[in-house]
Amino acid sequence: MQILRGSVDFGLPDRTIRLQPGEILHLTPQLRHSVTALEPTTLTVTMLLPRPDAATA
């Protein structure tokens, strides 16, 4: 997740992280989280999926 404009509180099981413009957060798969916008915010979410096995493609 990359914050483009605004700010968010990103809740994780053990802490909350405040993200500002330009900051990037990488998460492990299936990690429970919450996102609360603190002001009008634009962010980008990029999901990296495993490549299909070439033998089955």
Protein backbone atom coordinates (compact mmCIF):
# COMPACT_ATOMS: atom_id res chain seq x y z
CA MET A 1 0.00 0.00 0.00
CA GLN A 2 1.32 3.44 -0.92
CA ILE A 3 -0.16 6.67 0.37
CA LEU A 4 -0.40 9.26 -2.40
CA ARG A 5 -2.35 12.00 -0.58
CA GLY A 6 -3.75 12.37 2.92
CA SER A 7 -2.99 10.08 5.85
CA VAL A 8 -4.31 6.86 7.35
CA ASP A 9 -4.01 4.85 10.53
CA PHE A 10 -3.17 1.30 9.54
CA GLY A 11 -4.20 -1.12 12.28
CA LEU A 12 -2.29 -4.37 12.74
CA PRO A 13 -2.87 -7.05 15.39
CA ASP A 14 -0.14 -5.64 17.65
CA ARG A 15 0.07 -1.92 16.75
CA THR A 16 -1.22 0.97 14.66
CA ILE A 17 0.96 2.73 12.10
CA ARG A 18 0.24 6.23 10.80
CA LEU A 19 1.08 6.47 7.08
CA GLN A 20 1.75 9.76 5.28
CA PRO A 21 2.16 10.61 1.58
CA GLY A 22 5.04 8.76 -0.06
CA GLU A 23 5.17 6.00 2.55
CA ILE A 24 4.80 2.36 1.52
CA LEU A 25 3.72 -0.58 3.67
CA HIS A 26 4.26 -4.24 2.72
CA LEU A 27 2.15 -6.92 4.39
CA THR A 28 2.44 -10.68 4.57
CA PRO A 29 -0.44 -12.64 3.01
CA GLN A 30 -3.66 -12.95 5.04
CA LEU A 31 -2.54 -10.58 7.83
CA ARG A 32 -5.58 -9.08 9.55
CA HIS A 33 -5.59 -5.29 9.31
CA SER A 34 -7.76 -2.19 9.22
CA VAL A 35 -7.39 1.16 7.48
CA THR A 36 -8.88 4.40 8.80
CA ALA A 37 -8.55 7.57 6.71
CA LEU A 38 -7.75 10.58 8.89
CA GLU A 39 -8.56 13.04 6.09
CA PRO A 40 -9.48 12.77 2.39
CA THR A 41 -6.92 10.23 1.18
CA THR A 42 -5.77 8.62 -2.04
CA LEU A 43 -3.80 5.38 -1.83
CA THR A 44 -2.68 2.59 -4.12
CA VAL A 45 -2.99 -1.08 -3.21
CA THR A 46 -0.77 -3.45 -5.18
CA MET A 47 -1.30 -7.18 -4.72
CA LEU A 48 1.44 -9.54 -5.82
CA LEU A 49 0.05 -12.96 -6.65
CA PRO A 50 2.12 -16.11 -7.12
CA ARG A 51 2.93 -16.94 -10.73
CA PRO A 52 1.16 -19.98 -12.08
CA ASP A 53 3.45 -22.98 -12.51
CA ALA A 54 4.76 -22.94 -16.10
CA ALA A 55 4.04 -26.67 -16.39
CA THR A 56 0.31 -26.13 -15.80
CA ALA A 57 -0.06 -22.92 -17.80
